[in-house]
């Protein structure tokens, strides 16, 4: 999905013109954040369960199996949180690759895709035409009489 910080004919306020292509990467980041929050909650529950079982085990009110299951659940939940953090980092990295900056500063003279158009690596590669604004050259023909 294309969004633009500048439209055709507009002058960029910073030194570069930009286009952002979000789409799937933005959705992945949201999913990764939600999964991380879910796994943090599960890890907190597993930690509380382990804290409850340990004193019971020491008083012989819980079996070794109960303690082992609580420890395994807690360790598994911590590993799930670490995996979710890695997924979130990967999604944010992928989202960072969706910003396209112009190598030159200037005006966007022509947009080749509309805002909202889905673009990707196999699609159209030319998003916009940027014209440098520091030098303008004009070539025209003129007779000697018109010149005077």
N, C-alpha and C. Protein backbone atom coordinates (compact mmCIF):
# COMPACT_ATOMS: atom_id res chain seq x y z
N UNK A 1 0.85 -1.16 0.00
CA UNK A 1 0.00 0.00 0.00
C UNK A 1 0.90 1.23 0.00
N UNK A 2 0.68 2.12 -0.94
CA UNK A 2 1.53 3.30 -1.07
C UNK A 2 0.90 4.46 -0.33
N UNK A 3 1.70 5.14 0.48
CA UNK A 3 1.33 6.43 1.04
C UNK A 3 2.46 7.37 0.67
N UNK A 4 2.19 8.65 0.63
CA UNK A 4 3.23 9.58 0.22
C UNK A 4 3.30 10.75 1.18
N UNK A 5 4.52 11.18 1.46
CA UNK A 5 4.67 12.37 2.29
C UNK A 5 4.65 13.63 1.43
N UNK A 6 4.70 13.47 0.15
CA UNK A 6 4.65 14.60 -0.78
C UNK A 6 3.78 14.21 -1.97
N UNK A 7 3.07 15.19 -2.55
CA UNK A 7 2.27 14.94 -3.73
C UNK A 7 2.93 15.59 -4.94
N UNK A 8 2.42 15.33 -6.12
CA UNK A 8 3.01 15.89 -7.34
C UNK A 8 3.06 17.40 -7.26
N UNK A 9 4.22 17.95 -7.62
CA UNK A 9 4.40 19.38 -7.65
C UNK A 9 4.69 20.01 -6.31
N UNK A 10 4.72 19.21 -5.25
CA UNK A 10 4.98 19.80 -3.94
C UNK A 10 6.47 19.82 -3.65
N UNK A 11 6.86 20.78 -2.87
CA UNK A 11 8.28 20.90 -2.49
C UNK A 11 8.48 20.20 -1.15
N UNK A 12 9.44 19.30 -1.07
CA UNK A 12 9.69 18.63 0.20
C UNK A 12 10.23 19.61 1.24
N UNK A 13 9.80 19.43 2.49
CA UNK A 13 10.32 20.28 3.55
C UNK A 13 11.69 19.81 4.00
N UNK A 14 11.97 18.52 3.84
CA UNK A 14 13.30 18.02 4.15
C UNK A 14 14.07 17.85 2.85
N UNK A 15 15.20 17.21 2.90
CA UNK A 15 16.05 17.15 1.72
C UNK A 15 15.66 16.04 0.75
N UNK A 16 14.75 15.18 1.11
CA UNK A 16 14.41 14.04 0.25
C UNK A 16 12.89 13.89 0.15
N UNK A 17 12.44 13.35 -0.98
CA UNK A 17 11.04 13.00 -1.14
C UNK A 17 10.90 11.53 -0.74
N UNK A 18 9.76 11.18 -0.15
CA UNK A 18 9.61 9.82 0.36
C UNK A 18 8.29 9.22 -0.05
N UNK A 19 8.29 7.91 -0.17
CA UNK A 19 7.07 7.13 -0.34
C UNK A 19 7.18 5.94 0.59
N UNK A 20 6.08 5.54 1.18
CA UNK A 20 6.08 4.39 2.08
C UNK A 20 5.17 3.32 1.50
N UNK A 21 5.64 2.10 1.53
CA UNK A 21 4.89 0.97 1.02
C UNK A 21 4.67 0.00 2.17
N UNK A 22 3.54 0.15 2.87
CA UNK A 22 3.32 -0.64 4.08
C UNK A 22 2.75 -2.01 3.76
N UNK A 23 1.46 -2.12 3.62
CA UNK A 23 0.80 -3.37 3.31
C UNK A 23 1.04 -4.44 4.35
N UNK A 24 1.55 -5.56 3.90
CA UNK A 24 1.71 -6.76 4.71
C UNK A 24 2.64 -6.54 5.89
N UNK A 25 3.70 -5.76 5.74
CA UNK A 25 4.67 -5.56 6.81
C UNK A 25 4.05 -4.85 8.01
N UNK A 26 3.18 -3.89 7.77
CA UNK A 26 2.51 -3.21 8.87
C UNK A 26 1.60 -4.16 9.63
N UNK A 27 0.92 -5.06 8.92
CA UNK A 27 0.07 -6.05 9.57
C UNK A 27 0.91 -7.02 10.39
N UNK A 28 2.06 -7.43 9.87
CA UNK A 28 2.92 -8.37 10.59
C UNK A 28 3.41 -7.78 11.91
N UNK A 29 3.70 -6.49 11.91
CA UNK A 29 4.14 -5.84 13.14
C UNK A 29 3.04 -5.87 14.19
N UNK A 30 1.82 -5.58 13.79
CA UNK A 30 0.69 -5.63 14.72
C UNK A 30 0.46 -7.02 15.27
N UNK A 31 0.55 -8.01 14.41
CA UNK A 31 0.38 -9.40 14.85
C UNK A 31 1.50 -9.79 15.81
N UNK A 32 2.74 -9.40 15.50
CA UNK A 32 3.87 -9.73 16.36
C UNK A 32 3.74 -9.07 17.72
N UNK A 33 3.26 -7.82 17.77
CA UNK A 33 3.06 -7.14 19.05
C UNK A 33 2.00 -7.86 19.88
N UNK A 34 0.92 -8.24 19.24
CA UNK A 34 -0.15 -8.93 19.95
C UNK A 34 0.34 -10.28 20.49
N UNK A 35 1.08 -11.01 19.68
CA UNK A 35 1.61 -12.30 20.12
C UNK A 35 2.59 -12.13 21.28
N UNK A 36 3.40 -11.09 21.23
CA UNK A 36 4.34 -10.82 22.32
C UNK A 36 3.58 -10.53 23.62
N UNK A 37 2.55 -9.71 23.54
CA UNK A 37 1.76 -9.40 24.74
C UNK A 37 1.09 -10.65 25.30
N UNK A 38 0.57 -11.49 24.43
CA UNK A 38 -0.06 -12.74 24.86
C UNK A 38 0.97 -13.64 25.55
N UNK A 39 2.14 -13.78 24.95
CA UNK A 39 3.17 -14.65 25.53
C UNK A 39 3.72 -14.09 26.84
N UNK A 40 3.78 -12.78 26.97
CA UNK A 40 4.19 -12.19 28.26
C UNK A 40 3.18 -12.52 29.36
N UNK A 41 1.91 -12.46 29.02
CA UNK A 41 0.87 -12.80 29.99
C UNK A 41 0.96 -14.27 30.39
N UNK A 42 1.19 -15.14 29.42
CA UNK A 42 1.33 -16.57 29.72
C UNK A 42 2.57 -16.85 30.57
N UNK A 43 3.65 -16.12 30.30
CA UNK A 43 4.87 -16.29 31.09
C UNK A 43 4.65 -15.83 32.52
N UNK A 44 3.92 -14.74 32.70
CA UNK A 44 3.62 -14.25 34.04
C UNK A 44 2.78 -15.26 34.81
N UNK A 45 1.80 -15.87 34.14
CA UNK A 45 0.97 -16.90 34.79
C UNK A 45 1.82 -18.11 35.16
N UNK A 46 2.69 -18.53 34.26
CA UNK A 46 3.56 -19.68 34.54
C UNK A 46 4.49 -19.39 35.71
N UNK A 47 4.99 -18.16 35.80
CA UNK A 47 5.85 -17.78 36.92
C UNK A 47 5.09 -17.82 38.24
N UNK A 48 3.86 -17.32 38.23
CA UNK A 48 3.03 -17.35 39.45
C UNK A 48 2.72 -18.78 39.86
N UNK A 49 2.41 -19.62 38.88
CA UNK A 49 2.14 -21.04 39.18
C UNK A 49 3.37 -21.70 39.80
N UNK A 50 4.55 -21.40 39.27
CA UNK A 50 5.78 -21.98 39.82
C UNK A 50 6.02 -21.49 41.24
N UNK A 51 5.77 -20.20 41.50
CA UNK A 51 5.93 -19.66 42.85
C UNK A 51 4.96 -20.29 43.83
N UNK A 52 3.77 -20.69 43.34
CA UNK A 52 2.79 -21.35 44.19
C UNK A 52 3.18 -22.81 44.49
N UNK A 53 3.73 -23.48 43.50
CA UNK A 53 4.05 -24.91 43.64
C UNK A 53 5.29 -25.13 44.52
N UNK A 54 6.29 -24.28 44.42
CA UNK A 54 7.54 -24.51 45.18
C UNK A 54 7.30 -24.68 46.68
N UNK A 55 6.59 -23.76 47.35
CA UNK A 55 6.38 -23.98 48.79
C UNK A 55 5.56 -25.25 49.08
N UNK A 56 4.61 -25.55 48.19
CA UNK A 56 3.81 -26.77 48.38
C UNK A 56 4.68 -28.01 48.24
N UNK A 57 5.60 -27.98 47.32
CA UNK A 57 6.51 -29.12 47.15
C UNK A 57 7.40 -29.28 48.38
N UNK A 58 7.89 -28.17 48.93
CA UNK A 58 8.75 -28.23 50.12
C UNK A 58 8.00 -28.76 51.34
N UNK A 59 6.68 -28.62 51.36
CA UNK A 59 5.87 -29.12 52.46
C UNK A 59 5.30 -30.50 52.15
N UNK A 60 5.74 -31.10 51.04
CA UNK A 60 5.25 -32.40 50.57
C UNK A 60 3.76 -32.39 50.26
N UNK A 61 3.23 -31.22 49.89
CA UNK A 61 1.83 -31.10 49.50
C UNK A 61 1.66 -31.18 47.98
N UNK A 62 2.77 -31.13 47.24
CA UNK A 62 2.76 -31.27 45.78
C UNK A 62 3.86 -32.24 45.40
N UNK A 63 3.64 -32.96 44.31
CA UNK A 63 4.60 -33.98 43.90
C UNK A 63 5.75 -33.38 43.09
N UNK A 64 6.79 -34.17 42.91
CA UNK A 64 7.92 -33.78 42.07
C UNK A 64 7.43 -33.53 40.65
N UNK A 65 6.47 -34.32 40.20
CA UNK A 65 5.91 -34.15 38.85
C UNK A 65 5.25 -32.78 38.70
N UNK A 66 4.50 -32.36 39.70
CA UNK A 66 3.86 -31.04 39.67
C UNK A 66 4.90 -29.93 39.58
N UNK A 67 5.97 -30.05 40.36
CA UNK A 67 7.04 -29.06 40.33
C UNK A 67 7.74 -29.06 38.97
N UNK A 68 8.04 -30.25 38.46
CA UNK A 68 8.70 -30.35 37.15
C UNK A 68 7.83 -29.75 36.05
N UNK A 69 6.53 -30.01 36.09
CA UNK A 69 5.62 -29.44 35.09
C UNK A 69 5.57 -27.91 35.18
N UNK A 70 5.57 -27.39 36.41
CA UNK A 70 5.54 -25.93 36.58
C UNK A 70 6.83 -25.29 36.08
N UNK A 71 7.96 -25.93 36.37
CA UNK A 71 9.25 -25.41 35.88
C UNK A 71 9.29 -25.45 34.36
N UNK A 72 8.83 -26.56 33.77
CA UNK A 72 8.84 -26.69 32.30
C UNK A 72 7.92 -25.66 31.65
N UNK A 73 6.77 -25.44 32.26
CA UNK A 73 5.83 -24.44 31.71
C UNK A 73 6.44 -23.04 31.76
N UNK A 74 7.11 -22.73 32.87
CA UNK A 74 7.73 -21.42 33.01
C UNK A 74 8.86 -21.23 32.01
N UNK A 75 9.73 -22.22 31.88
CA UNK A 75 10.84 -22.12 30.92
C UNK A 75 10.32 -22.03 29.48
N UNK A 76 9.29 -22.78 29.18
CA UNK A 76 8.70 -22.73 27.84
C UNK A 76 8.08 -21.36 27.56
N UNK A 77 7.41 -20.81 28.55
CA UNK A 77 6.79 -19.49 28.38
C UNK A 77 7.85 -18.41 28.18
N UNK A 78 8.96 -18.49 28.92
CA UNK A 78 10.05 -17.52 28.73
C UNK A 78 10.62 -17.62 27.32
N UNK A 79 10.77 -18.86 26.82
CA UNK A 79 11.29 -19.04 25.47
C UNK A 79 10.32 -18.48 24.43
N UNK A 80 9.03 -18.64 24.66
CA UNK A 80 8.02 -18.10 23.74
C UNK A 80 8.10 -16.57 23.71
N UNK A 81 8.34 -15.94 24.86
CA UNK A 81 8.47 -14.48 24.90
C UNK A 81 9.68 -14.05 24.08
N UNK A 82 10.80 -14.75 24.23
CA UNK A 82 12.00 -14.41 23.46
C UNK A 82 11.76 -14.58 21.96
N UNK A 83 11.06 -15.66 21.59
CA UNK A 83 10.74 -15.85 20.16
C UNK A 83 9.83 -14.74 19.64
N UNK A 84 8.86 -14.32 20.46
CA UNK A 84 7.96 -13.25 20.05
C UNK A 84 8.69 -11.92 19.91
N UNK A 85 9.65 -11.67 20.80
CA UNK A 85 10.45 -10.44 20.69
C UNK A 85 11.27 -10.46 19.40
N UNK A 86 11.80 -11.63 19.05
CA UNK A 86 12.56 -11.74 17.80
C UNK A 86 11.65 -11.54 16.59
N UNK A 87 10.44 -12.09 16.65
CA UNK A 87 9.48 -11.89 15.55
C UNK A 87 9.12 -10.43 15.39
N UNK A 88 8.93 -9.74 16.51
CA UNK A 88 8.60 -8.30 16.46
C UNK A 88 9.76 -7.51 15.87
N UNK A 89 10.97 -7.83 16.28
CA UNK A 89 12.15 -7.15 15.73
C UNK A 89 12.25 -7.38 14.23
N UNK A 90 12.00 -8.60 13.80
CA UNK A 90 12.05 -8.93 12.38
C UNK A 90 10.97 -8.18 11.60
N UNK A 91 9.77 -8.09 12.16
CA UNK A 91 8.68 -7.37 11.50
C UNK A 91 8.99 -5.88 11.40
N UNK A 92 9.57 -5.31 12.46
CA UNK A 92 9.92 -3.89 12.43
C UNK A 92 11.05 -3.62 11.45
N UNK A 93 11.98 -4.56 11.33
CA UNK A 93 13.05 -4.42 10.34
C UNK A 93 12.48 -4.46 8.93
N UNK A 94 11.57 -5.40 8.69
CA UNK A 94 10.94 -5.49 7.37
C UNK A 94 10.14 -4.23 7.07
N UNK A 95 9.47 -3.68 8.07
CA UNK A 95 8.71 -2.45 7.88
C UNK A 95 9.64 -1.27 7.56
N UNK A 96 10.84 -1.29 8.12
CA UNK A 96 11.82 -0.24 7.82
C UNK A 96 12.24 -0.23 6.37
N UNK A 97 12.18 -1.39 5.71
CA UNK A 97 12.54 -1.47 4.30
C UNK A 97 11.44 -0.94 3.38
N UNK A 98 10.30 -0.57 3.95
CA UNK A 98 9.19 -0.11 3.12
C UNK A 98 9.21 1.38 2.84
N UNK A 99 10.14 2.12 3.43
CA UNK A 99 10.25 3.55 3.16
C UNK A 99 11.25 3.75 2.02
N UNK A 100 10.79 4.41 0.98
CA UNK A 100 11.63 4.67 -0.19
C UNK A 100 11.94 6.15 -0.20
N UNK A 101 13.23 6.50 -0.14
CA UNK A 101 13.65 7.90 -0.15
C UNK A 101 14.33 8.22 -1.48
N UNK A 102 14.12 9.43 -1.94
CA UNK A 102 14.75 9.87 -3.18
C UNK A 102 16.24 10.12 -2.94
N UNK A 103 17.09 9.76 -3.89
CA UNK A 103 18.51 10.03 -3.74
C UNK A 103 18.86 11.50 -3.95
N UNK A 104 17.93 12.28 -4.48
CA UNK A 104 18.17 13.71 -4.70
C UNK A 104 17.06 14.51 -4.04
N UNK A 105 17.34 15.78 -3.72
CA UNK A 105 16.29 16.64 -3.21
C UNK A 105 15.68 17.39 -4.38
N UNK A 106 14.42 17.68 -4.27
CA UNK A 106 13.75 18.39 -5.36
C UNK A 106 12.25 18.27 -5.26
N UNK A 107 11.59 18.41 -6.40
CA UNK A 107 10.13 18.34 -6.49
C UNK A 107 9.71 17.00 -7.06
N UNK A 108 8.57 16.50 -6.58
CA UNK A 108 7.96 15.34 -7.22
C UNK A 108 7.15 15.89 -8.38
N UNK A 109 7.61 15.63 -9.60
CA UNK A 109 6.92 16.17 -10.76
C UNK A 109 5.84 15.24 -11.26
N UNK A 110 5.97 13.95 -10.99
CA UNK A 110 4.99 13.00 -11.49
C UNK A 110 4.95 11.78 -10.58
N UNK A 111 3.74 11.40 -10.19
CA UNK A 111 3.55 10.15 -9.45
C UNK A 111 3.14 9.09 -10.44
N UNK A 112 3.79 7.95 -10.39
CA UNK A 112 3.47 6.87 -11.32
C UNK A 112 2.55 5.83 -10.71
N UNK A 113 2.33 5.90 -9.40
CA UNK A 113 1.35 5.04 -8.73
C UNK A 113 0.49 5.93 -7.85
N UNK A 114 -0.74 5.55 -7.67
CA UNK A 114 -1.66 6.32 -6.84
C UNK A 114 -1.53 5.89 -5.39
N UNK A 115 -1.88 6.78 -4.48
CA UNK A 115 -1.90 6.44 -3.06
C UNK A 115 -2.94 5.35 -2.87
N UNK A 116 -2.54 4.32 -2.14
CA UNK A 116 -3.41 3.17 -1.90
C UNK A 116 -3.13 2.00 -2.82
N UNK A 117 -2.29 2.20 -3.83
CA UNK A 117 -1.95 1.12 -4.76
C UNK A 117 -1.02 0.13 -4.07
N UNK A 118 -1.29 -1.14 -4.26
CA UNK A 118 -0.44 -2.18 -3.71
C UNK A 118 0.76 -2.36 -4.62
N UNK A 119 1.96 -2.22 -4.07
CA UNK A 119 3.19 -2.39 -4.85
C UNK A 119 4.03 -3.46 -4.18
N UNK A 120 4.90 -4.06 -4.94
CA UNK A 120 5.78 -5.09 -4.41
C UNK A 120 6.98 -5.27 -5.30
N UNK A 121 7.82 -6.24 -4.96
CA UNK A 121 9.05 -6.42 -5.73
C UNK A 121 8.80 -6.84 -7.18
N UNK A 122 7.69 -7.50 -7.46
CA UNK A 122 7.42 -7.93 -8.83
C UNK A 122 6.63 -6.92 -9.62
N UNK A 123 6.21 -5.84 -8.99
CA UNK A 123 5.37 -4.85 -9.64
C UNK A 123 6.15 -3.73 -10.27
N UNK A 124 5.47 -2.62 -10.44
CA UNK A 124 6.06 -1.44 -11.04
C UNK A 124 7.14 -0.88 -10.12
N UNK A 125 8.31 -0.61 -10.68
CA UNK A 125 9.41 -0.15 -9.84
C UNK A 125 9.54 1.37 -9.78
N UNK A 126 9.02 2.09 -10.74
CA UNK A 126 9.12 3.55 -10.76
C UNK A 126 7.90 4.13 -10.05
N UNK A 127 8.10 4.63 -8.82
CA UNK A 127 7.00 5.17 -8.04
C UNK A 127 6.71 6.63 -8.37
N UNK A 128 7.76 7.42 -8.56
CA UNK A 128 7.59 8.85 -8.82
C UNK A 128 8.81 9.38 -9.55
N UNK A 129 8.63 10.54 -10.18
CA UNK A 129 9.74 11.24 -10.82
C UNK A 129 10.05 12.48 -10.00
N UNK A 130 11.30 12.60 -9.59
CA UNK A 130 11.74 13.74 -8.78
C UNK A 130 12.63 14.61 -9.65
N UNK A 131 12.36 15.91 -9.64
CA UNK A 131 13.13 16.87 -10.42
C UNK A 131 13.95 17.71 -9.46
N UNK A 132 15.25 17.83 -9.76
CA UNK A 132 16.11 18.66 -8.92
C UNK A 132 15.66 20.11 -9.00
N UNK A 133 15.71 20.79 -7.88
CA UNK A 133 15.22 22.17 -7.84
C UNK A 133 16.34 23.20 -7.78
N UNK A 134 17.58 22.77 -7.73
CA UNK A 134 18.65 23.75 -7.60
C UNK A 134 19.04 24.38 -8.93
N UNK A 135 18.89 23.68 -10.05
CA UNK A 135 19.26 24.22 -11.37
C UNK A 135 18.16 23.89 -12.36
N UNK A 136 17.71 24.90 -13.09
CA UNK A 136 16.71 24.70 -14.14
C UNK A 136 17.31 25.19 -15.44
N UNK A 137 17.35 24.33 -16.43
CA UNK A 137 17.87 24.72 -17.75
C UNK A 137 16.73 24.69 -18.75
N UNK A 138 16.70 25.71 -19.59
CA UNK A 138 15.65 25.83 -20.59
C UNK A 138 16.31 25.97 -21.95
N UNK A 139 15.82 25.21 -22.92
CA UNK A 139 16.34 25.27 -24.28
C UNK A 139 15.19 25.69 -25.19
N UNK A 140 15.34 26.82 -25.87
CA UNK A 140 14.30 27.27 -26.79
C UNK A 140 14.96 27.98 -27.96
N UNK A 141 14.22 28.02 -29.03
CA UNK A 141 14.71 28.68 -30.25
C UNK A 141 14.12 30.08 -30.34
N UNK A 142 14.94 31.01 -30.90
CA UNK A 142 14.49 32.39 -30.99
C UNK A 142 15.20 33.04 -32.18
N UNK A 143 14.47 33.82 -32.90
CA UNK A 143 15.09 34.55 -34.03
C UNK A 143 15.84 35.75 -33.48
N UNK A 144 16.69 36.29 -34.29
CA UNK A 144 17.46 37.47 -33.89
C UNK A 144 16.58 38.67 -33.62
N UNK A 145 15.51 38.81 -34.36
CA UNK A 145 14.59 39.94 -34.17
C UNK A 145 13.86 39.82 -32.83
N UNK A 146 13.43 38.58 -32.51
CA UNK A 146 12.73 38.38 -31.23
C UNK A 146 13.66 38.61 -30.06
N UNK A 147 14.95 38.34 -30.28
CA UNK A 147 15.92 38.49 -29.20
C UNK A 147 16.10 39.96 -28.84
N UNK A 148 16.03 40.85 -29.84
CA UNK A 148 16.19 42.28 -29.61
C UNK A 148 14.94 42.83 -29.03
